[in-house]
Amino acid sequence: MGEKTRQEELSSFLKRKRALISPQSVGFPTGSRRRTPGLRREEVAQLANVSTTWYTWLEQGRDIKVSSSVLDSVSSALQLTEDERTYLFNLALDMNAKLVQKKTVQTKITSSLTTILKALNYCPAVVTDRYCQIVGWNRAAAYVFLDFEEIPIEQRNLIRLLFTRKELKALAVNWEHFVRGFLAIFRVYYGRYVEDDWYKQFIDNMSLLHPEFQPLWQQSEVNTAPDVLIEFRHSKAGKMEFNLTSLDVQGNDDLRLSIYTPVPGTATEKKLREFMC
């Protein structure tokens, strides 16, 4: 199942990226016979200096010989970001297949990370693992979002909570924008561990239970650190504005620290200080 999922995601990813590129922007005539948006396969092949047959087979997820240099050319042709390039390499070269078996998920955070969370007094902060399971948070996060302590451990999945908890749906002024940032991070892990059947099962389950999940997932970007400005309408504090900064925890790239910093010049930090006293 893992290999099939990897090939399907490779195909889907390449199709999505070439559909976003305007032919005219890279020197091809727009024409009137284009039935779908974006570049044709033969145009991507031309830009990457590979045969149309080879690129077609790559996009179809066939078992063909792929080199790093050729993938670099495809990355340039599709105008991929560095995160997207890594995503393509993970899918096409199956770089992390062995990691699925060898790596274990960290479920506890270190004492130093706990100290950091506590020190971020008025910056809500959450620590998640590669499955987006919440494994740590501070008092400010419990105030602004949810008291995660009251949620059973097996249900503390950040992506799932964004779709199931009405408090979180009502919190963000632009809920879809809020969700997209986390889906971009989630897709990074998906590409890194696509051989792990957990991801397919989770995505299938979310698509079945939450109709709005699938279109957001299909449109999601690949970004380890999305730049997100979020406006909340908190039930007690009212309007609050945060910048989201997401960081890999040094020494364990399966843990991520997401920090919500009050936007300077707003009353956000003042409200946190008042209501958290």
C-alpha atoms as a PDB file:
ATOM      1  CA  MET A   1       0.000   0.000   0.000  1.00  0.00           C
ATOM      2  CA  GLY A   2       2.811   2.425   0.845  1.00  0.00           C
ATOM      3  CA  GLU A   3       4.467   2.190  -2.574  1.00  0.00           C
ATOM      4  CA  LYS A   4       1.168   2.689  -4.381  1.00  0.00           C
ATOM      5  CA  THR A   5       0.364   5.711  -2.227  1.00  0.00           C
ATOM      6  CA  ARG A   6       3.777   7.224  -2.958  1.00  0.00           C
ATOM      7  CA  GLN A   7       3.319   6.814  -6.719  1.00  0.00           C
ATOM      8  CA  GLU A   8      -0.181   8.262  -6.612  1.00  0.00           C
ATOM      9  CA  GLU A   9       0.972  11.307  -4.642  1.00  0.00           C
ATOM     10  CA  LEU A  10       3.921  11.843  -7.004  1.00  0.00           C
ATOM     11  CA  SER A  11       1.539  11.853  -9.951  1.00  0.00           C
ATOM     12  CA  SER A  12      -0.944  14.163  -8.231  1.00  0.00           C
ATOM     13  CA  PHE A  13       1.764  16.586  -7.103  1.00  0.00           C
ATOM     14  CA  LEU A  14       3.330  16.947 -10.573  1.00  0.00           C
ATOM     15  CA  LYS A  15      -0.061  17.499 -12.181  1.00  0.00           C
ATOM     16  CA  ARG A  16      -0.999  20.168  -9.629  1.00  0.00           C
ATOM     17  CA  LYS A  17       2.251  22.058 -10.086  1.00  0.00           C
ATOM     18  CA  ARG A  18       2.224  22.150 -13.899  1.00  0.00           C
ATOM     19  CA  ALA A  19      -1.425  23.234 -13.844  1.00  0.00           C
ATOM     20  CA  LEU A  20      -0.392  26.378 -11.933  1.00  0.00           C
ATOM     21  CA  ILE A  21       2.125  27.614 -14.509  1.00  0.00           C
ATOM     22  CA  SER A  22       0.919  29.937 -17.230  1.00  0.00           C
ATOM     23  CA  PRO A  23       2.262  28.793 -20.633  1.00  0.00           C
ATOM     24  CA  GLN A  24       2.785  32.409 -21.667  1.00  0.00           C
ATOM     25  CA  SER A  25       4.935  33.075 -18.586  1.00  0.00           C
ATOM     26  CA  VAL A  26       7.525  30.540 -19.789  1.00  0.00           C
ATOM     27  CA  GLY A  27       7.438  31.391 -23.469  1.00  0.00           C
ATOM     28  CA  PHE A  28       4.757  29.082 -24.844  1.00  0.00           C
ATOM     29  CA  PRO A  29       1.736  30.358 -26.801  1.00  0.00           C
ATOM     30  CA  THR A  30      -1.543  30.238 -24.896  1.00  0.00           C
ATOM     31  CA  GLY A  31      -3.467  28.847 -27.863  1.00  0.00           C
ATOM     32  CA  SER A  32      -7.148  28.026 -28.127  1.00  0.00           C
ATOM     33  CA  ARG A  33      -6.946  24.241 -27.987  1.00  0.00           C
ATOM     34  CA  ARG A  34      -5.864  23.907 -24.367  1.00  0.00           C
ATOM     35  CA  ARG A  35      -8.465  21.890 -22.528  1.00  0.00           C
ATOM     36  CA  THR A  36      -6.859  22.214 -19.102  1.00  0.00           C
ATOM     37  CA  PRO A  37      -5.017  25.076 -17.359  1.00  0.00           C
ATOM     38  CA  GLY A  38      -1.263  25.240 -17.114  1.00  0.00           C
ATOM     39  CA  LEU A  39       1.484  23.489 -19.050  1.00  0.00           C
ATOM     40  CA  ARG A  40       1.205  20.345 -21.103  1.00  0.00           C
ATOM     41  CA  ARG A  41       3.433  17.382 -20.288  1.00  0.00           C
ATOM     42  CA  GLU A  42       5.500  17.890 -23.425  1.00  0.00           C
ATOM     43  CA  GLU A  43       6.118  21.514 -22.435  1.00  0.00           C
ATOM     44  CA  VAL A  44       7.387  20.522 -18.988  1.00  0.00           C
ATOM     45  CA  ALA A  45       9.607  17.933 -20.687  1.00  0.00           C
ATOM     46  CA  GLN A  46      10.965  20.581 -23.050  1.00  0.00           C
ATOM     47  CA  LEU A  47      11.733  22.994 -20.211  1.00  0.00           C
ATOM     48  CA  ALA A  48      13.417  20.214 -18.228  1.00  0.00           C
ATOM     49  CA  ASN A  49      15.338  18.950 -21.269  1.00  0.00           C
ATOM     50  CA  VAL A  50      13.981  15.407 -20.971  1.00  0.00           C
ATOM     51  CA  SER A  51      11.907  13.293 -23.337  1.00  0.00           C
ATOM     52  CA  THR A  52       8.142  13.627 -23.245  1.00  0.00           C
ATOM     53  CA  THR A  53       7.845   9.872 -22.756  1.00  0.00           C
ATOM     54  CA  TRP A  54      10.156   9.916 -19.718  1.00  0.00           C
ATOM     55  CA  TYR A  55       8.330  12.818 -18.088  1.00  0.00           C
ATOM     56  CA  THR A  56       4.957  11.209 -18.812  1.00  0.00           C
ATOM     57  CA  TRP A  57       6.084   8.031 -17.108  1.00  0.00           C
ATOM     58  CA  LEU A  58       7.411  10.032 -14.156  1.00  0.00           C
ATOM     59  CA  GLU A  59       4.073  11.781 -13.793  1.00  0.00           C
ATOM     60  CA  GLN A  60       2.278   8.467 -14.054  1.00  0.00           C
ATOM     61  CA  GLY A  61       4.344   7.136 -11.163  1.00  0.00           C
ATOM     62  CA  ARG A  62       5.926   4.363 -13.204  1.00  0.00           C
ATOM     63  CA  ASP A  63       8.975   2.468 -12.025  1.00  0.00           C
ATOM     64  CA  ILE A  64      11.662   4.268 -14.032  1.00  0.00           C
ATOM     65  CA  LYS A  65      15.262   5.294 -13.420  1.00  0.00           C
ATOM     66  CA  VAL A  66      15.379   8.736 -11.821  1.00  0.00           C
ATOM     67  CA  SER A  67      18.483  10.769 -10.996  1.00  0.00           C
ATOM     68  CA  SER A  68      18.939  13.787  -8.760  1.00  0.00           C
ATOM     69  CA  SER A  69      20.211  15.922 -11.650  1.00  0.00           C
ATOM     70  CA  VAL A  70      17.113  15.222 -13.755  1.00  0.00           C
ATOM     71  CA  LEU A  71      14.829  15.912 -10.810  1.00  0.00           C
ATOM     72  CA  ASP A  72      16.614  19.227 -10.366  1.00  0.00           C
ATOM     73  CA  SER A  73      15.729  20.064 -13.961  1.00  0.00           C
ATOM     74  CA  VAL A  74      12.095  19.091 -13.415  1.00  0.00           C
ATOM     75  CA  SER A  75      12.049  21.175 -10.222  1.00  0.00           C
ATOM     76  CA  SER A  76      13.275  24.211 -12.149  1.00  0.00           C
ATOM     77  CA  ALA A  77      10.783  23.648 -14.962  1.00  0.00           C
ATOM     78  CA  LEU A  78       7.913  23.501 -12.469  1.00  0.00           C
ATOM     79  CA  GLN A  79       9.276  26.485 -10.494  1.00  0.00           C
ATOM     80  CA  LEU A  80       9.285  24.544  -7.225  1.00  0.00           C
ATOM     81  CA  THR A  81      10.215  26.107  -3.918  1.00  0.00           C
ATOM     82  CA  GLU A  82      12.948  24.479  -1.826  1.00  0.00           C
ATOM     83  CA  ASP A  83      10.344  22.684   0.318  1.00  0.00           C
ATOM     84  CA  GLU A  84       8.520  21.487  -2.798  1.00  0.00           C
ATOM     85  CA  ARG A  85      11.799  20.312  -4.331  1.00  0.00           C
ATOM     86  CA  THR A  86      12.509  18.230  -1.215  1.00  0.00           C
ATOM     87  CA  TYR A  87       8.958  16.880  -1.398  1.00  0.00           C
ATOM     88  CA  LEU A  88       9.504  15.825  -5.039  1.00  0.00           C
ATOM     89  CA  PHE A  89      12.815  14.137  -4.206  1.00  0.00           C
ATOM     90  CA  ASN A  90      11.229  12.248  -1.304  1.00  0.00           C
ATOM     91  CA  LEU A  91       8.445  10.964  -3.543  1.00  0.00           C
ATOM     92  CA  ALA A  92      10.454  10.243  -6.690  1.00  0.00           C
ATOM     93  CA  LEU A  93      13.553   8.731  -5.074  1.00  0.00           C
ATOM     94  CA  ASP A  94      11.764   7.083  -2.162  1.00  0.00           C
ATOM     95  CA  MET A  95      14.467   8.600   0.043  1.00  0.00           C
ATOM     96  CA  ASN A  96      12.844   7.984   3.404  1.00  0.00           C
ATOM     97  CA  ALA A  97      11.256   4.555   3.016  1.00  0.00           C
ATOM     98  CA  LYS A  98      13.621   3.010   5.567  1.00  0.00           C
ATOM     99  CA  LEU A  99      12.930   5.772   8.066  1.00  0.00           C
ATOM    100  CA  VAL A 100       9.336   4.602   8.459  1.00  0.00           C
ATOM    101  CA  GLN A 101      10.561   1.414  10.072  1.00  0.00           C
ATOM    102  CA  LYS A 102      13.570   2.826  11.903  1.00  0.00           C
ATOM    103  CA  LYS A 103      12.233   6.051  13.367  1.00  0.00           C
ATOM    104  CA  THR A 104       9.904   6.107  16.315  1.00  0.00           C
ATOM    105  CA  VAL A 105       7.538   8.922  17.134  1.00  0.00           C
ATOM    106  CA  GLN A 106       8.610  11.107  20.040  1.00  0.00           C
ATOM    107  CA  THR A 107       5.734  11.326  22.503  1.00  0.00           C
ATOM    108  CA  LYS A 108       7.451  13.178  25.336  1.00  0.00           C
ATOM    109  CA  ILE A 109       9.152  16.538  25.297  1.00  0.00           C
ATOM    110  CA  THR A 110      12.411  17.328  27.042  1.00  0.00           C
ATOM    111  CA  SER A 111      12.645  19.343  30.221  1.00  0.00           C
ATOM    112  CA  SER A 112      14.412  22.152  28.337  1.00  0.00           C
ATOM    113  CA  LEU A 113      11.555  22.363  25.828  1.00  0.00           C
ATOM    114  CA  THR A 114       9.083  22.414  28.712  1.00  0.00           C
ATOM    115  CA  THR A 115      11.013  25.340  30.192  1.00  0.00           C
ATOM    116  CA  ILE A 116      10.842  27.177  26.860  1.00  0.00           C
ATOM    117  CA  LEU A 117       7.075  26.672  26.697  1.00  0.00           C
ATOM    118  CA  LYS A 118       6.632  28.090  30.181  1.00  0.00           C
ATOM    119  CA  ALA A 119       8.885  31.060  29.377  1.00  0.00           C
ATOM    120  CA  LEU A 120       6.656  32.038  26.455  1.00  0.00           C
ATOM    121  CA  ASN A 121       4.185  33.561  28.889  1.00  0.00           C
ATOM    122  CA  TYR A 122       2.005  35.541  26.501  1.00  0.00           C
ATOM    123  CA  CYS A 123       2.809  33.686  23.285  1.00  0.00           C
ATOM    124  CA  PRO A 124       0.555  30.645  22.826  1.00  0.00           C
ATOM    125  CA  ALA A 125       2.830  27.735  21.886  1.00  0.00           C
ATOM    126  CA  VAL A 126       2.133  24.133  20.881  1.00  0.00           C
ATOM    127  CA  VAL A 127       4.503  21.204  20.240  1.00  0.00           C
ATOM    128  CA  THR A 128       3.415  18.538  17.735  1.00  0.00           C
ATOM    129  CA  ASP A 129       4.957  15.358  16.335  1.00  0.00           C
ATOM    130  CA  ARG A 130       5.132  14.117  12.726  1.00  0.00           C
ATOM    131  CA  TYR A 131       1.472  13.052  12.883  1.00  0.00           C
ATOM    132  CA  CYS A 132       0.474  16.496  14.176  1.00  0.00           C
ATOM    133  CA  GLN A 133      -0.345  14.951  17.540  1.00  0.00           C
ATOM    134  CA  ILE A 134      -0.143  17.588  20.262  1.00  0.00           C
ATOM    135  CA  VAL A 135       2.514  16.540  22.782  1.00  0.00           C
ATOM    136  CA  GLY A 136       3.074  19.834  24.594  1.00  0.00           C
ATOM    137  CA  TRP A 137       1.587  23.301  25.088  1.00  0.00           C
ATOM    138  CA  ASN A 138       1.749  26.264  27.421  1.00  0.00           C
ATOM    139  CA  ARG A 139      -0.837  28.078  29.518  1.00  0.00           C
ATOM    140  CA  ALA A 140      -1.408  30.757  26.881  1.00  0.00           C
ATOM    141  CA  ALA A 141      -2.252  28.086  24.276  1.00  0.00           C
ATOM    142  CA  ALA A 142      -4.750  26.492  26.660  1.00  0.00           C
ATOM    143  CA  TYR A 143      -6.375  29.902  27.146  1.00  0.00           C
ATOM    144  CA  VAL A 144      -6.539  30.944  23.485  1.00  0.00           C
ATOM    145  CA  PHE A 145      -7.343  27.548  21.924  1.00  0.00           C
ATOM    146  CA  LEU A 146      -8.450  24.689  24.155  1.00  0.00           C
ATOM    147  CA  ASP A 147      -7.468  23.141  27.433  1.00  0.00           C
ATOM    148  CA  PHE A 148      -5.803  20.171  25.753  1.00  0.00           C
ATOM    149  CA  GLU A 149      -5.473  18.454  29.121  1.00  0.00           C
ATOM    150  CA  GLU A 150      -9.218  17.791  29.007  1.00  0.00           C
ATOM    151  CA  ILE A 151      -8.943  16.042  25.632  1.00  0.00           C
ATOM    152  CA  PRO A 152      -8.009  12.319  25.653  1.00  0.00           C
ATOM    153  CA  ILE A 153      -4.437  11.779  24.436  1.00  0.00           C
ATOM    154  CA  GLU A 154      -5.510   9.738  21.388  1.00  0.00           C
ATOM    155  CA  GLN A 155      -7.773  12.605  20.255  1.00  0.00           C
ATOM    156  CA  ARG A 156      -5.143  15.363  20.474  1.00  0.00           C
ATOM    157  CA  ASN A 157      -4.461  15.516  16.763  1.00  0.00           C
ATOM    158  CA  LEU A 158      -4.189  19.148  15.707  1.00  0.00           C
ATOM    159  CA  ILE A 159      -5.549  18.632  12.178  1.00  0.00           C
ATOM    160  CA  ARG A 160      -8.511  16.633  13.416  1.00  0.00           C
ATOM    161  CA  LEU A 161      -9.298  19.152  16.164  1.00  0.00           C
ATOM    162  CA  LEU A 162      -9.371  22.003  13.630  1.00  0.00           C
ATOM    163  CA  PHE A 163     -12.210  20.229  11.843  1.00  0.00           C
ATOM    164  CA  THR A 164     -14.089  18.745  14.808  1.00  0.00           C
ATOM    165  CA  ARG A 165     -14.037  21.363  17.546  1.00  0.00           C
ATOM    166  CA  LYS A 166     -16.545  24.151  17.054  1.00  0.00           C
ATOM    167  CA  GLU A 167     -14.489  26.416  19.344  1.00  0.00           C
ATOM    168  CA  LEU A 168     -11.570  26.319  16.903  1.00  0.00           C
ATOM    169  CA  LYS A 169     -13.806  26.770  13.861  1.00  0.00           C
ATOM    170  CA  ALA A 170     -15.352  29.860  15.443  1.00  0.00           C
ATOM    171  CA  LEU A 171     -12.023  31.213  16.695  1.00  0.00           C
ATOM    172  CA  ALA A 172     -10.256  32.115  13.441  1.00  0.00           C
ATOM    173  CA  VAL A 173     -11.795  34.928  11.398  1.00  0.00           C
ATOM    174  CA  ASN A 174     -10.552  33.127   8.268  1.00  0.00           C
ATOM    175  CA  TRP A 175     -10.733  29.483   9.304  1.00  0.00           C
ATOM    176  CA  GLU A 176      -9.598  28.147   5.908  1.00  0.00           C
ATOM    177  CA  HIS A 177      -6.496  30.331   5.997  1.00  0.00           C
ATOM    178  CA  PHE A 178      -5.786  29.072   9.497  1.00  0.00           C
ATOM    179  CA  VAL A 179      -6.127  25.431   8.410  1.00  0.00           C
ATOM    180  CA  ARG A 180      -4.051  25.821   5.246  1.00  0.00           C
ATOM    181  CA  GLY A 181      -0.974  26.762   7.255  1.00  0.00           C
ATOM    182  CA  PHE A 182      -1.090  23.523   9.223  1.00  0.00           C
ATOM    183  CA  LEU A 183      -1.946  21.405   6.194  1.00  0.00           C
ATOM    184  CA  ALA A 184       1.160  22.804   4.464  1.00  0.00           C
ATOM    185  CA  ILE A 185       3.276  21.547   7.366  1.00  0.00           C
ATOM    186  CA  PHE A 186       1.381  18.250   7.489  1.00  0.00           C
ATOM    187  CA  ARG A 187       2.092  17.685   3.785  1.00  0.00           C
ATOM    188  CA  VAL A 188       5.831  18.052   4.448  1.00  0.00           C
ATOM    189  CA  TYR A 189       5.640  15.111   6.864  1.00  0.00           C
ATOM    190  CA  TYR A 190       3.394  13.212   4.459  1.00  0.00           C
ATOM    191  CA  GLY A 191       6.020  13.480   1.726  1.00  0.00           C
ATOM    192  CA  ARG A 192       8.783  12.477   4.130  1.00  0.00           C
ATOM    193  CA  TYR A 193       6.938   9.406   5.439  1.00  0.00           C
ATOM    194  CA  VAL A 194       4.565   8.579   2.589  1.00  0.00           C
ATOM    195  CA  GLU A 195       5.362   4.871   3.031  1.00  0.00           C
ATOM    196  CA  ASP A 196       3.739   5.034   6.466  1.00  0.00           C
ATOM    197  CA  ASP A 197       0.184   3.732   5.977  1.00  0.00           C
ATOM    198  CA  TRP A 198      -1.021   5.853   8.895  1.00  0.00           C
ATOM    199  CA  TYR A 199      -1.120   8.931   6.650  1.00  0.00           C
ATOM    200  CA  LYS A 200      -3.347   7.394   3.992  1.00  0.00           C
ATOM    201  CA  GLN A 201      -5.691   6.016   6.627  1.00  0.00           C
ATOM    202  CA  PHE A 202      -5.870   9.400   8.344  1.00  0.00           C
ATOM    203  CA  ILE A 203      -6.458  11.327   5.100  1.00  0.00           C
ATOM    204  CA  ASP A 204      -9.115   8.857   3.915  1.00  0.00           C
ATOM    205  CA  ASN A 205     -10.855   9.044   7.292  1.00  0.00           C
ATOM    206  CA  MET A 206     -10.794  12.844   7.369  1.00  0.00           C
ATOM    207  CA  SER A 207     -12.112  13.017   3.792  1.00  0.00           C
ATOM    208  CA  LEU A 208     -14.962  10.675   4.688  1.00  0.00           C
ATOM    209  CA  LEU A 209     -15.987  12.445   7.890  1.00  0.00           C
ATOM    210  CA  HIS A 210     -15.348  16.053   6.873  1.00  0.00           C
ATOM    211  CA  PRO A 211     -16.310  17.007   3.284  1.00  0.00           C
ATOM    212  CA  GLU A 212     -14.413  20.309   3.532  1.00  0.00           C
ATOM    213  CA  PHE A 213     -11.139  18.512   4.264  1.00  0.00           C
ATOM    214  CA  GLN A 214     -10.487  16.974   0.842  1.00  0.00           C
ATOM    215  CA  PRO A 215     -10.526  20.193  -1.257  1.00  0.00           C
ATOM    216  CA  LEU A 216      -8.336  21.957   1.291  1.00  0.00           C
ATOM    217  CA  TRP A 217      -5.938  19.010   1.314  1.00  0.00           C
ATOM    218  CA  GLN A 218      -5.763  18.866  -2.486  1.00  0.00           C
ATOM    219  CA  GLN A 219      -5.009  22.595  -2.633  1.00  0.00           C
ATOM    220  CA  SER A 220      -2.516  22.586   0.231  1.00  0.00           C
ATOM    221  CA  GLU A 221       1.017  23.801  -0.295  1.00  0.00           C
ATOM    222  CA  VAL A 222       4.264  22.194   0.842  1.00  0.00           C
ATOM    223  CA  ASN A 223       5.842  24.506   3.396  1.00  0.00           C
ATOM    224  CA  THR A 224       7.905  23.787   6.506  1.00  0.00           C
ATOM    225  CA  ALA A 225       7.388  27.293   7.853  1.00  0.00           C
ATOM    226  CA  PRO A 226       4.334  29.034   6.378  1.00  0.00           C
ATOM    227  CA  ASP A 227       4.127  32.767   7.044  1.00  0.00           C
ATOM    228  CA  VAL A 228       0.710  33.120   8.611  1.00  0.00           C
ATOM    229  CA  LEU A 229      -0.953  36.208  10.081  1.00  0.00           C
ATOM    230  CA  ILE A 230      -3.993  35.090  12.013  1.00  0.00           C
ATOM    231  CA  GLU A 231      -6.881  37.104  13.403  1.00  0.00           C
ATOM    232  CA  PHE A 232      -8.934  35.487  16.141  1.00  0.00           C
ATOM    233  CA  ARG A 233     -12.277  36.413  17.638  1.00  0.00           C
ATOM    234  CA  HIS A 234     -11.855  35.035  21.133  1.00  0.00           C
ATOM    235  CA  SER A 235     -14.997  34.359  23.169  1.00  0.00           C
ATOM    236  CA  LYS A 236     -13.609  36.320  26.144  1.00  0.00           C
ATOM    237  CA  ALA A 237     -10.856  38.594  24.833  1.00  0.00           C
ATOM    238  CA  GLY A 238     -12.423  39.574  21.521  1.00  0.00           C
ATOM    239  CA  LYS A 239     -10.156  40.487  18.598  1.00  0.00           C
ATOM    240  CA  MET A 240      -6.638  39.059  18.836  1.00  0.00           C
ATOM    241  CA  GLU A 241      -3.931  39.059  16.144  1.00  0.00           C
ATOM    242  CA  PHE A 242      -0.952  36.722  15.990  1.00  0.00           C
ATOM    243  CA  ASN A 243       1.970  35.910  13.725  1.00  0.00           C
ATOM    244  CA  LEU A 244       2.577  32.161  13.513  1.00  0.00           C
ATOM    245  CA  THR A 245       6.176  30.944  13.589  1.00  0.00           C
ATOM    246  CA  SER A 246       6.763  27.218  13.156  1.00  0.00           C
ATOM    247  CA  LEU A 247      10.146  25.686  14.011  1.00  0.00           C
ATOM    248  CA  ASP A 248      11.703  22.229  13.894  1.00  0.00           C
ATOM    249  CA  VAL A 249      12.954  21.253  17.333  1.00  0.00           C
ATOM    250  CA  GLN A 250      16.717  20.827  17.138  1.00  0.00           C
ATOM    251  CA  GLY A 251      17.808  17.247  17.649  1.00  0.00           C
ATOM    252  CA  ASN A 252      14.477  15.772  16.612  1.00  0.00           C
ATOM    253  CA  ASP A 253      13.019  16.759  13.255  1.00  0.00           C
ATOM    254  CA  ASP A 254       9.767  15.002  14.105  1.00  0.00           C
ATOM    255  CA  LEU A 255       8.877  17.576  16.748  1.00  0.00           C
ATOM    256  CA  ARG A 256       7.712  21.043  15.801  1.00  0.00           C
ATOM    257  CA  LEU A 257       7.192  24.114  17.946  1.00  0.00           C
ATOM    258  CA  SER A 258       4.463  26.487  16.747  1.00  0.00           C
ATOM    259  CA  ILE A 259       4.530  29.900  18.422  1.00  0.00           C
ATOM    260  CA  TYR A 260       1.818  32.541  18.123  1.00  0.00           C
ATOM    261  CA  THR A 261       3.406  35.945  18.690  1.00  0.00           C
ATOM    262  CA  PRO A 262       1.071  38.878  19.400  1.00  0.00           C
ATOM    263  CA  VAL A 263       1.198  41.365  16.520  1.00  0.00           C
ATOM    264  CA  PRO A 264       2.998  44.556  17.637  1.00  0.00           C
ATOM    265  CA  GLY A 265       0.781  47.610  17.854  1.00  0.00           C
ATOM    266  CA  THR A 266      -2.327  45.597  18.710  1.00  0.00           C
ATOM    267  CA  ALA A 267      -3.970  45.025  22.078  1.00  0.00           C
ATOM    268  CA  THR A 268      -3.418  41.269  21.878  1.00  0.00           C
ATOM    269  CA  GLU A 269      -0.635  40.930  24.454  1.00  0.00           C
ATOM    270  CA  LYS A 270      -2.381  43.340  26.821  1.00  0.00           C
ATOM    271  CA  LYS A 271      -5.555  41.258  26.649  1.00  0.00           C
ATOM    272  CA  LEU A 272      -3.607  38.069  27.338  1.00  0.00           C
ATOM    273  CA  ARG A 273      -1.970  39.624  30.381  1.00  0.00           C
ATOM    274  CA  GLU A 274      -5.310  40.807  31.720  1.00  0.00           C
ATOM    275  CA  PHE A 275      -7.345  37.678  31.123  1.00  0.00           C
ATOM    276  CA  MET A 276      -4.655  35.193  32.167  1.00  0.00           C
ATOM    277  CA  CYS A 277      -4.025  36.812  35.565  1.00  0.00           C
END
